[in-house]
Structures are given as C-alpha cells and as structure tokens.
Amino acid sequence: MAERGRRKNQVGVVTSDKMTKTVVVRIETITHHPLYKKAVRRSRSVKAHDEQNQARAGDRVRIVETRPVSQEKRWRVVEILKRAE
C-alpha cells in the first residue's frame, strides 16, 4: 500500500474575491536563472475555497492542497496571515 503524502502548504496574496466562496491567490516563488544566476520572480495563480468568505483582495493567506472542490479549485484557505491595508 502506498504511503500517503503530506498536503502541500503555500502562502500567497489574494488577487480577487469577486466569486462566492472562492478567492484567486497569487503564489510567488523566487528561483535563480540557470545560466546568469540572477534571481527571477515567478508567480502562478490558483483558485482556493474560502468557506466563510472572509478573505479580501490584498490579504496574505495560507492555503492547503485538498481534494477537487470544483473544476478548477484544488486548494482551500486555512488562515489569513495578514489583512490588506
């Protein structure tokens, strides 16, 4: 029997909260260019389930990987780390 892996955690910034119970979160990672070694900022957006509709645009949130909630949602908001100014 295969071992169950841990769920992935990510920290990102909410870019959109226009949908009901859904937020769009931008996750930024910093990698180094393979040849020039300069730091390159990469970002991707994911949709996350927000059951209480508490997260607002600009909030820093922690999201965790979960089973598919809808066609595009595979993440869930666990906590709001910092509110937007």
Protein backbone atom coordinates (compact mmCIF):
# COMPACT_ATOMS: atom_id res chain seq x y z
CA MET A 1 0.00 0.00 0.00
CA ALA A 2 1.37 3.41 -0.97
CA GLU A 3 2.25 5.87 1.74
CA ARG A 4 0.06 8.95 1.95
CA GLY A 5 1.99 12.14 1.40
CA ARG A 6 1.62 15.34 3.34
CA ARG A 7 -0.60 18.05 1.91
CA LYS A 8 1.20 20.96 0.33
CA ASN A 9 1.03 24.34 2.05
CA GLN A 10 1.51 27.60 0.20
CA VAL A 11 1.43 31.27 1.16
CA GLY A 12 0.10 33.80 -1.31
CA VAL A 13 -1.75 37.07 -1.82
CA VAL A 14 -5.44 37.21 -2.71
CA THR A 15 -5.86 38.98 -6.04
CA SER A 16 -9.62 38.54 -6.50
CA ASP A 17 -12.54 37.86 -4.15
CA LYS A 18 -15.38 38.53 -6.57
CA MET A 19 -16.70 34.95 -6.59
CA THR A 20 -18.80 33.38 -3.85
CA LYS A 21 -16.73 31.15 -1.53
CA THR A 22 -13.77 31.35 -3.92
CA VAL A 23 -10.65 33.51 -3.98
CA VAL A 24 -7.86 33.74 -6.54
CA VAL A 25 -4.46 33.51 -4.85
CA ARG A 26 -1.15 34.51 -6.47
CA ILE A 27 1.77 32.36 -5.29
CA GLU A 28 5.24 33.83 -5.86
CA THR A 29 8.44 31.83 -5.94
CA ILE A 30 11.98 33.10 -6.40
CA THR A 31 14.33 30.91 -8.43
CA HIS A 32 17.77 31.52 -9.91
CA HIS A 33 18.38 31.71 -13.64
CA PRO A 34 20.30 28.59 -14.69
CA LEU A 35 22.96 30.46 -16.69
CA TYR A 36 23.10 34.00 -15.28
CA LYS A 37 22.32 33.11 -11.62
CA LYS A 38 20.13 36.19 -11.26
CA ALA A 39 17.08 35.85 -9.00
CA VAL A 40 13.93 35.50 -11.10
CA ARG A 41 10.48 36.01 -9.63
CA ARG A 42 7.85 33.56 -10.90
CA SER A 43 4.18 33.64 -10.00
CA ARG A 44 1.14 31.49 -10.64
CA SER A 45 -2.49 31.89 -9.74
CA VAL A 46 -4.73 29.26 -8.20
CA LYS A 47 -8.34 29.25 -7.09
CA ALA A 48 -8.94 28.41 -3.43
CA HIS A 49 -12.09 27.56 -1.49
CA ASP A 50 -12.98 30.11 1.23
CA GLU A 51 -15.95 28.68 3.13
CA GLN A 52 -16.69 31.76 5.29
CA ASN A 53 -15.95 34.34 2.57
CA GLN A 54 -13.53 36.13 4.93
CA ALA A 55 -10.52 36.73 2.66
CA ARG A 56 -10.40 40.03 0.77
CA ALA A 57 -8.20 41.26 -2.07
CA GLY A 58 -4.71 42.07 -0.83
CA ASP A 59 -4.80 39.67 2.16
CA ARG A 60 -1.87 37.32 2.71
CA VAL A 61 -3.28 33.81 3.19
CA ARG A 62 -2.09 30.26 3.81
CA ILE A 63 -3.70 27.68 1.52
CA VAL A 64 -3.52 23.89 1.64
CA GLU A 65 -3.95 21.30 -1.08
CA THR A 66 -7.25 19.42 -0.93
CA ARG A 67 -9.48 17.15 -2.97
CA PRO A 68 -11.12 18.77 -6.02
CA VAL A 69 -13.92 21.07 -4.84
CA SER A 70 -14.90 22.13 -8.35
CA GLN A 71 -13.47 22.03 -11.86
CA GLU A 72 -10.66 24.47 -11.05
CA LYS A 73 -10.47 24.54 -7.23
CA ARG A 74 -7.95 22.20 -5.62
CA TRP A 75 -6.87 24.43 -2.72
CA ARG A 76 -8.53 25.62 0.49
CA VAL A 77 -7.87 28.74 2.60
CA VAL A 78 -6.62 27.69 6.04
CA GLU A 79 -5.89 31.05 7.66
CA ILE A 80 -5.48 34.72 6.93
CA LEU A 81 -1.95 35.71 7.90
CA LYS A 82 -2.15 39.46 7.27
CA ARG A 83 -5.02 41.73 6.35
CA ALA A 84 -4.75 44.23 3.49
CA GLU A 85 -4.12 47.83 4.46
